[in-house]
Amino acid sequence: MSHDPDILPAAPGDTPAIKTLLRSSHLHCEDLTQEHLHDFLVARDAEEIIGVVGLEAYEENGLLRSLAVKTSHRGHGMGRELVRHLEHHAGNRGVDRLYLLTTTADHFFAHLGYIRIDRETVPPPIQQTTEFTDICPSDAVCMTKAL
């Protein structure tokens, strides 16, 4: 990469590219709607979307979801930058604690200050998200971080 990609709010036309990136990273996107996109951030290298991360905000709690970086751009800190930008965005939206589920990235998130918690301790609005009820398996690691 010759320059740092721009991390910006997702635009309405980004949905197909976001879904393609999520699928290529083996992440679900069936529940992703245009409504979700106002709290999604994308990393753009020129016109190409090379990374994405999303937030579902429920008052002071938020669900960090759909973090993916294109394979060719991994290993350069893009995932960390996307999470950092999302945490800032979430704080601006009044979120003071983020939650997430992961089947593969618990060590990555631990390095960013997220701690493992029991899934049953998550606030009801987060537990009722599609991510918790339908998409992520019951053995997914649940993590949280205070912002």
Protein backbone atom coordinates (compact mmCIF):
# COMPACT_ATOMS: atom_id res chain seq x y z
CA MET A 1 0.00 0.00 0.00
CA SER A 2 1.44 3.31 -1.01
CA HIS A 3 -0.86 5.34 1.22
CA ASP A 4 -3.22 4.79 4.09
CA PRO A 5 -6.76 3.94 2.97
CA ASP A 6 -9.54 6.32 3.95
CA ILE A 7 -11.94 5.07 6.63
CA LEU A 8 -15.32 6.63 6.03
CA PRO A 9 -19.02 6.00 6.68
CA ALA A 10 -20.49 3.48 4.26
CA ALA A 11 -22.45 4.95 1.37
CA PRO A 12 -25.82 3.60 0.18
CA GLY A 13 -24.24 2.08 -2.93
CA ASP A 14 -21.65 0.14 -0.89
CA THR A 15 -23.97 -2.71 0.12
CA PRO A 16 -22.99 -5.17 -2.67
CA ALA A 17 -19.23 -4.64 -2.11
CA ILE A 18 -19.66 -4.95 1.67
CA LYS A 19 -21.62 -8.20 1.33
CA THR A 20 -19.01 -9.60 -1.08
CA LEU A 21 -16.20 -8.78 1.38
CA LEU A 22 -18.10 -10.28 4.32
CA ARG A 23 -18.86 -13.47 2.40
CA SER A 24 -15.21 -13.82 1.30
CA SER A 25 -14.24 -13.55 5.00
CA HIS A 26 -16.78 -16.27 5.90
CA LEU A 27 -18.97 -13.81 7.79
CA HIS A 28 -22.75 -13.77 7.56
CA CYS A 29 -24.51 -10.84 5.96
CA GLU A 30 -28.06 -12.14 5.46
CA ASP A 31 -29.41 -9.67 8.01
CA LEU A 32 -27.49 -6.69 6.63
CA THR A 33 -29.92 -4.05 5.40
CA GLN A 34 -29.63 -0.52 4.09
CA GLU A 35 -30.77 0.62 7.56
CA HIS A 36 -27.64 -0.89 9.15
CA LEU A 37 -25.30 0.98 6.84
CA HIS A 38 -25.54 4.33 8.63
CA ASP A 39 -23.39 2.79 11.38
CA PHE A 40 -20.96 0.93 9.10
CA LEU A 41 -17.50 2.18 8.24
CA VAL A 42 -15.53 1.16 5.19
CA ALA A 43 -11.85 1.40 4.35
CA ARG A 44 -11.32 2.54 0.77
CA ASP A 45 -8.13 2.22 -1.20
CA ALA A 46 -8.86 4.35 -4.25
CA GLU A 47 -12.40 3.25 -5.15
CA GLU A 48 -12.09 -0.28 -3.77
CA ILE A 49 -13.57 -1.26 -0.40
CA ILE A 50 -10.82 -3.21 1.38
CA GLY A 51 -12.27 -3.28 4.89
CA VAL A 52 -15.52 -2.94 6.78
CA VAL A 53 -16.81 -2.85 10.33
CA GLY A 54 -20.30 -2.27 11.67
CA LEU A 55 -22.12 -1.09 14.75
CA GLU A 56 -25.61 -1.80 16.00
CA ALA A 57 -26.33 0.79 18.69
CA TYR A 58 -28.88 0.19 21.44
CA GLU A 59 -28.77 3.28 23.64
CA GLU A 60 -25.56 3.02 25.72
CA ASN A 61 -24.71 -0.48 24.45
CA GLY A 62 -23.45 -1.43 21.03
CA LEU A 63 -22.76 -4.55 19.03
CA LEU A 64 -19.53 -4.53 17.04
CA ARG A 65 -20.15 -6.68 13.99
CA SER A 66 -18.96 -7.52 10.52
CA LEU A 67 -15.25 -6.72 10.85
CA ALA A 68 -13.51 -7.87 7.67
CA VAL A 69 -10.39 -6.89 5.77
CA LYS A 70 -9.68 -8.03 2.25
CA THR A 71 -7.11 -10.85 2.31
CA SER A 72 -4.60 -8.89 0.22
CA HIS A 73 -4.62 -6.05 2.78
CA ARG A 74 -4.34 -8.04 6.01
CA GLY A 75 -1.34 -7.78 8.29
CA HIS A 76 -0.98 -4.00 7.95
CA GLY A 77 -3.08 -2.89 10.93
CA MET A 78 -6.24 -2.20 8.94
CA GLY A 79 -8.42 -4.28 11.29
CA ARG A 80 -7.10 -2.35 14.31
CA GLU A 81 -7.73 0.97 12.54
CA LEU A 82 -11.27 -0.01 11.62
CA VAL A 83 -12.03 -1.02 15.24
CA ARG A 84 -10.45 2.21 16.56
CA HIS A 85 -12.58 4.31 14.19
CA LEU A 86 -15.71 2.33 15.10
CA GLU A 87 -15.08 2.79 18.83
CA HIS A 88 -14.80 6.54 18.26
CA HIS A 89 -17.99 6.53 16.15
CA ALA A 90 -19.81 4.49 18.81
CA GLY A 91 -18.74 6.90 21.54
CA ASN A 92 -20.07 9.81 19.47
CA ARG A 93 -23.40 7.94 19.23
CA GLY A 94 -23.62 7.69 23.04
CA VAL A 95 -22.46 4.07 23.27
CA ASP A 96 -20.29 3.46 26.33
CA ARG A 97 -19.84 -0.32 26.02
CA LEU A 98 -19.34 -2.56 23.01
CA TYR A 99 -20.09 -6.27 22.77
CA LEU A 100 -19.14 -8.77 20.08
CA LEU A 101 -19.27 -12.43 19.20
CA THR A 102 -16.43 -14.16 17.37
CA THR A 103 -15.51 -17.68 16.39
CA THR A 104 -12.03 -16.85 15.09
CA ALA A 105 -10.77 -13.46 16.29
CA ASP A 106 -10.85 -13.55 20.10
CA HIS A 107 -7.05 -13.11 20.35
CA PHE A 108 -7.18 -10.14 17.95
CA PHE A 109 -9.87 -8.43 20.04
CA ALA A 110 -8.12 -9.29 23.32
CA HIS A 111 -5.10 -7.31 22.08
CA LEU A 112 -7.45 -4.35 21.58
CA GLY A 113 -8.68 -4.44 25.18
CA TYR A 114 -11.79 -6.62 24.82
CA ILE A 115 -12.39 -9.17 27.55
CA ARG A 116 -14.23 -12.48 27.43
CA ILE A 117 -17.55 -12.57 29.24
CA ASP A 118 -20.40 -15.01 29.71
CA ARG A 119 -22.97 -14.56 26.95
CA GLU A 120 -25.80 -14.52 29.50
CA THR A 121 -24.43 -11.30 31.08
CA VAL A 122 -24.99 -9.27 27.90
CA PRO A 123 -27.83 -6.70 28.09
CA PRO A 124 -31.15 -7.93 26.61
CA PRO A 125 -31.18 -5.54 23.60
CA ILE A 126 -27.84 -6.99 22.44
CA GLN A 127 -28.90 -10.58 23.24
CA GLN A 128 -31.96 -10.07 21.02
CA THR A 129 -29.96 -9.07 17.93
CA THR A 130 -29.95 -11.46 14.98
CA GLU A 131 -26.23 -11.90 15.56
CA PHE A 132 -26.89 -13.38 19.02
CA THR A 133 -30.13 -15.24 18.31
CA ASP A 134 -29.56 -16.73 14.86
CA ILE A 135 -26.22 -16.09 13.22
CA CYS A 136 -23.37 -16.83 15.62
CA PRO A 137 -23.11 -20.34 17.05
CA SER A 138 -23.60 -20.89 20.77
CA ASP A 139 -19.88 -21.66 21.15
CA ALA A 140 -18.83 -18.25 19.77
CA VAL A 141 -16.68 -16.24 22.17
CA CYS A 142 -18.50 -13.26 23.67
CA MET A 143 -16.40 -10.20 24.46
CA THR A 144 -16.89 -6.65 25.70
CA LYS A 145 -15.04 -3.37 26.13
CA ALA A 146 -15.96 -0.19 27.97
CA LEU A 147 -15.33 2.86 25.82
